[in-house]
Amino acid sequence: MSVNRFKTMKPLLFQSAGAPLPTSVDLNAFDGIIVDLGFGDDALAQLVAVARGACRVFARIAPINRLAAEDMASLLRNDISGVLLSGCRSRADVQRLDVMLRVAEANVGNRLQQVAILAEYGSVPESVLSPYSLGESSPRLEGIIFDASALAAAIGCRPSKEPQDEVLVAPIAAGRAAAALRAHEAGLGCYEMLPQTAVIEKAVRRAFAASRANGFSSVVCRSPEQAAWLDTGG
């Protein structure tokens, strides 16, 4: 998928486990909703039903070394559109996930290659330092997501309160650059998670502008409120 860095893609919406269904926003404004780890089957089925015809639903899954084949098959039975691989370290993780999805699709009777992949990239040191391209790692891979707070937690550095502060936090700046460059090298969409600290409209708009200035295709909103401040909530 070739991506024009100057063309804004639809944002994604992150849905935490236990959060109410996002009925306060226009789901047509999003490319997809990402449901976090720990989402139960019943809640996931409800969300898929709510989003049907409006946007896709992605399930955030554990890092590849902690994934079980039976977990993948269970997820696919909920008719999700794709998965978000957390803690992606390199193209090898994407390739392993592609194989697991092929097996799971065969086991549940899904047509092969139907489930898309997004990958968290730059959120662990291995991906920031990886020399390997993500290009052609899997035909399912549509894009990558950078989460500054995840990288800060992984290495124990100070998370930045504002995007412009990241120039003062070297690992965060490196991770952000790695994600944007790796995505554009491979022709993938590249999203940035909006900061958890962006709880007012001015902060959300400033973070979005910073992401676009740094080459990201769009953002991942952490709440319907953040989405509304970007005028995606209708």
Protein backbone atom coordinates (compact mmCIF):
# COMPACT_ATOMS: atom_id res chain seq x y z
CA MET A 1 0.00 0.00 0.00
CA SER A 2 1.59 3.24 -1.13
CA VAL A 3 1.05 6.13 1.28
CA ASN A 4 1.21 9.82 0.47
CA ARG A 5 2.52 11.48 3.64
CA PHE A 6 0.64 14.69 2.78
CA LYS A 7 -2.72 12.96 2.55
CA THR A 8 -4.41 12.57 5.92
CA MET A 9 -5.88 9.13 6.52
CA LYS A 10 -8.86 8.53 8.77
CA PRO A 11 -7.86 8.17 12.43
CA LEU A 12 -8.29 5.06 14.54
CA LEU A 13 -10.10 4.91 17.89
CA PHE A 14 -8.68 2.97 20.84
CA GLN A 15 -11.21 1.17 23.02
CA SER A 16 -9.98 0.15 26.48
CA ALA A 17 -11.26 -3.00 28.15
CA GLY A 18 -14.29 -2.13 30.25
CA ALA A 19 -14.98 1.17 28.48
CA PRO A 20 -18.57 1.82 27.33
CA LEU A 21 -19.41 1.35 23.68
CA PRO A 22 -18.42 4.46 21.66
CA THR A 23 -21.96 5.51 20.75
CA SER A 24 -21.26 9.26 21.17
CA VAL A 25 -19.18 9.54 17.97
CA ASP A 26 -19.78 8.96 14.28
CA LEU A 27 -17.95 5.70 13.65
CA ASN A 28 -17.89 6.41 9.91
CA ALA A 29 -15.22 9.02 10.69
CA PHE A 30 -12.77 6.27 11.69
CA ASP A 31 -10.92 3.68 9.68
CA GLY A 32 -11.23 1.32 12.61
CA ILE A 33 -11.62 0.74 16.33
CA ILE A 34 -8.85 -1.03 18.24
CA VAL A 35 -10.00 -3.03 21.24
CA ASP A 36 -7.40 -3.58 23.94
CA LEU A 37 -6.17 -6.77 25.54
CA GLY A 38 -8.63 -8.25 28.01
CA PHE A 39 -11.76 -7.50 25.96
CA GLY A 40 -14.22 -10.33 26.57
CA ASP A 41 -15.93 -12.21 23.75
CA ASP A 42 -19.38 -10.79 24.59
CA ALA A 43 -18.14 -7.19 24.63
CA LEU A 44 -16.18 -7.75 21.43
CA ALA A 45 -19.23 -9.20 19.70
CA GLN A 46 -21.28 -6.16 20.75
CA LEU A 47 -18.66 -3.77 19.42
CA VAL A 48 -18.40 -5.61 16.10
CA ALA A 49 -22.18 -5.35 15.78
CA VAL A 50 -22.18 -1.62 16.57
CA ALA A 51 -19.35 -0.90 14.12
CA ARG A 52 -20.66 -3.07 11.27
CA GLY A 53 -21.08 -0.99 8.13
CA ALA A 54 -19.31 2.01 9.68
CA CYS A 55 -15.72 1.01 10.39
CA ARG A 56 -13.49 -1.98 11.01
CA VAL A 57 -12.66 -3.59 14.34
CA PHE A 58 -9.09 -4.60 15.25
CA ALA A 59 -8.19 -6.66 18.31
CA ARG A 60 -4.93 -5.74 20.05
CA ILE A 61 -3.07 -8.96 20.76
CA ALA A 62 -0.10 -9.95 22.90
CA PRO A 63 3.48 -9.91 21.57
CA ILE A 64 4.22 -12.77 19.21
CA ASN A 65 6.24 -14.78 21.75
CA ARG A 66 3.20 -14.88 24.07
CA LEU A 67 0.54 -15.72 21.48
CA ALA A 68 -1.23 -19.07 21.42
CA ALA A 69 -2.84 -20.54 18.31
CA GLU A 70 -6.11 -21.22 20.13
CA ASP A 71 -6.35 -17.56 21.15
CA MET A 72 -6.12 -16.48 17.53
CA ALA A 73 -8.85 -18.88 16.44
CA SER A 74 -11.11 -17.62 19.24
CA LEU A 75 -10.62 -14.02 18.11
CA LEU A 76 -11.41 -14.78 14.49
CA ARG A 77 -14.72 -16.36 15.44
CA ASN A 78 -15.82 -12.87 16.50
CA ASP A 79 -15.64 -11.70 12.88
CA ILE A 80 -13.00 -9.03 13.51
CA SER A 81 -11.41 -7.19 10.60
CA GLY A 82 -7.84 -7.38 11.82
CA VAL A 83 -5.37 -7.53 14.67
CA LEU A 84 -2.90 -5.08 16.19
CA LEU A 85 0.33 -6.84 17.16
CA SER A 86 1.68 -5.28 20.34
CA GLY A 87 5.41 -5.08 21.02
CA CYS A 88 6.43 -5.81 17.42
CA ARG A 89 10.23 -6.15 17.28
CA SER A 90 10.93 -6.67 13.58
CA ARG A 91 9.67 -8.14 10.31
CA ALA A 92 10.15 -11.65 11.73
CA ASP A 93 7.34 -11.03 14.24
CA VAL A 94 5.00 -9.95 11.43
CA GLN A 95 5.92 -13.00 9.38
CA ARG A 96 5.23 -15.34 12.32
CA LEU A 97 1.88 -13.67 12.91
CA ASP A 98 0.98 -14.08 9.23
CA VAL A 99 1.58 -17.83 9.53
CA MET A 100 -0.50 -18.04 12.72
CA LEU A 101 -3.36 -16.20 11.03
CA ARG A 102 -3.27 -18.57 8.06
CA VAL A 103 -3.64 -21.54 10.40
CA ALA A 104 -6.35 -19.87 12.49
CA GLU A 105 -8.32 -18.85 9.38
CA ALA A 106 -8.19 -22.41 8.09
CA ASN A 107 -9.37 -23.75 11.46
CA VAL A 108 -12.41 -21.47 11.64
CA GLY A 109 -13.27 -21.69 7.94
CA ASN A 110 -12.38 -18.09 7.04
CA ARG A 111 -11.15 -17.21 3.59
CA LEU A 112 -7.36 -16.91 3.63
CA GLN A 113 -5.74 -13.46 3.76
CA GLN A 114 -8.94 -11.82 4.99
CA VAL A 115 -7.63 -10.59 8.37
CA ALA A 116 -5.49 -7.43 8.26
CA ILE A 117 -2.46 -6.66 10.44
CA LEU A 118 -1.43 -3.46 12.19
CA ALA A 119 1.75 -3.50 14.27
CA GLU A 120 2.95 -1.43 17.20
CA TYR A 121 6.40 -0.31 16.13
CA GLY A 122 8.98 1.71 17.99
CA SER A 123 7.39 0.80 21.32
CA VAL A 124 10.20 -1.61 22.28
CA PRO A 125 13.98 -1.11 21.86
CA GLU A 126 14.32 -4.01 19.42
CA SER A 127 12.13 -2.33 16.80
CA VAL A 128 13.86 1.03 17.18
CA LEU A 129 17.23 -0.66 16.54
CA SER A 130 16.10 -3.21 13.93
CA PRO A 131 17.91 -2.89 10.56
CA TYR A 132 15.25 -4.88 8.71
CA SER A 133 12.57 -3.41 6.46
CA LEU A 134 8.91 -4.25 6.99
CA GLY A 135 8.32 -4.19 3.25
CA GLU A 136 6.82 -7.45 1.90
CA SER A 137 6.87 -9.02 5.37
CA SER A 138 3.19 -9.84 4.92
CA PRO A 139 0.54 -8.83 2.37
CA ARG A 140 -1.79 -8.34 5.34
CA LEU A 141 0.33 -5.60 6.94
CA GLU A 142 -1.44 -2.26 6.43
CA GLY A 143 0.28 0.06 8.86
CA ILE A 144 2.23 0.61 12.05
CA ILE A 145 1.42 2.51 15.24
CA PHE A 146 3.86 4.39 17.45
CA ASP A 147 3.02 4.87 21.14
CA ALA A 148 5.47 7.11 22.99
CA SER A 149 4.12 6.13 26.40
CA ALA A 150 4.67 2.42 25.64
CA LEU A 151 8.31 3.02 24.71
CA ALA A 152 8.81 5.17 27.81
CA ALA A 153 7.43 2.36 29.97
CA ALA A 154 9.53 -0.28 28.20
CA ILE A 155 12.85 1.45 28.88
CA GLY A 156 12.01 3.40 32.03
CA CYS A 157 12.55 6.90 30.68
CA ARG A 158 10.50 9.98 31.42
CA PRO A 159 7.41 10.11 29.21
CA SER A 160 7.04 13.48 27.53
CA LYS A 161 4.03 15.59 28.43
CA GLU A 162 3.93 17.37 25.08
CA PRO A 163 5.08 16.21 21.60
CA GLN A 164 7.62 19.04 21.41
CA ASP A 165 9.24 17.77 24.62
CA GLU A 166 10.28 14.58 22.85
CA VAL A 167 13.30 16.33 21.36
CA LEU A 168 14.59 16.40 24.93
CA VAL A 169 13.93 12.68 25.51
CA ALA A 170 16.33 10.96 23.11
CA PRO A 171 14.83 7.41 23.13
CA ILE A 172 11.33 8.75 22.45
CA ALA A 173 12.57 10.92 19.60
CA ALA A 174 14.46 7.93 18.15
CA GLY A 175 11.41 5.67 18.39
CA ARG A 176 9.15 8.23 16.78
CA ALA A 177 11.60 8.71 13.91
CA ALA A 178 12.10 4.96 13.48
CA ALA A 179 8.36 4.36 13.17
CA ALA A 180 7.80 7.13 10.64
CA LEU A 181 10.83 6.22 8.54
CA ARG A 182 10.15 2.48 8.60
CA ALA A 183 6.54 3.02 7.52
CA HIS A 184 7.43 5.29 4.63
CA GLU A 185 10.24 2.98 3.53
CA ALA A 186 7.76 0.11 3.27
CA GLY A 187 4.87 2.18 1.87
CA LEU A 188 2.69 1.59 4.96
CA GLY A 189 0.28 3.80 6.84
CA CYS A 190 1.81 5.23 10.02
CA TYR A 191 -0.24 6.26 13.05
CA GLU A 192 0.75 7.88 16.32
CA MET A 193 -1.14 7.36 19.57
CA LEU A 194 -2.29 10.69 20.94
CA PRO A 195 -0.75 11.43 24.37
CA GLN A 196 -2.66 10.30 27.44
CA THR A 197 -2.06 13.79 28.83
CA ALA A 198 -3.96 15.43 25.96
CA VAL A 199 -7.21 15.99 27.82
CA ILE A 200 -8.17 19.40 26.44
CA GLU A 201 -8.91 20.46 22.87
CA LYS A 202 -5.82 22.65 22.49
CA ALA A 203 -3.50 19.81 23.54
CA VAL A 204 -5.16 17.31 21.18
CA ARG A 205 -4.93 19.64 18.19
CA ARG A 206 -1.30 20.46 18.99
CA ALA A 207 -0.42 16.76 19.22
CA PHE A 208 -2.18 16.04 15.94
CA ALA A 209 -0.32 18.87 14.19
CA ALA A 210 3.00 17.58 15.54
CA SER A 211 2.26 14.06 14.26
CA ARG A 212 1.44 15.33 10.79
CA ALA A 213 4.55 17.53 10.74
CA ASN A 214 6.65 14.45 11.53
CA GLY A 215 5.26 12.42 8.63
CA PHE A 216 2.57 10.35 10.35
CA SER A 217 -0.46 9.48 8.22
CA SER A 218 -2.90 9.98 11.09
CA VAL A 219 -3.40 9.37 14.81
CA VAL A 220 -5.02 6.94 17.20
CA CYS A 221 -7.50 8.65 19.51
CA ARG A 222 -7.53 7.30 23.05
CA SER A 223 -11.11 8.40 23.71
CA PRO A 224 -14.23 9.67 21.94
CA GLU A 225 -13.48 13.08 23.49
CA GLN A 226 -10.14 13.31 21.70
CA ALA A 227 -11.87 12.30 18.48
CA ALA A 228 -14.51 15.00 18.85
CA TRP A 229 -11.82 17.67 19.31
CA LEU A 230 -10.37 16.62 15.96
CA ASP A 231 -13.78 17.08 14.39
CA THR A 232 -14.06 13.36 13.69
CA GLY A 233 -16.91 12.80 16.09
CA GLY A 234 -19.64 14.46 14.09
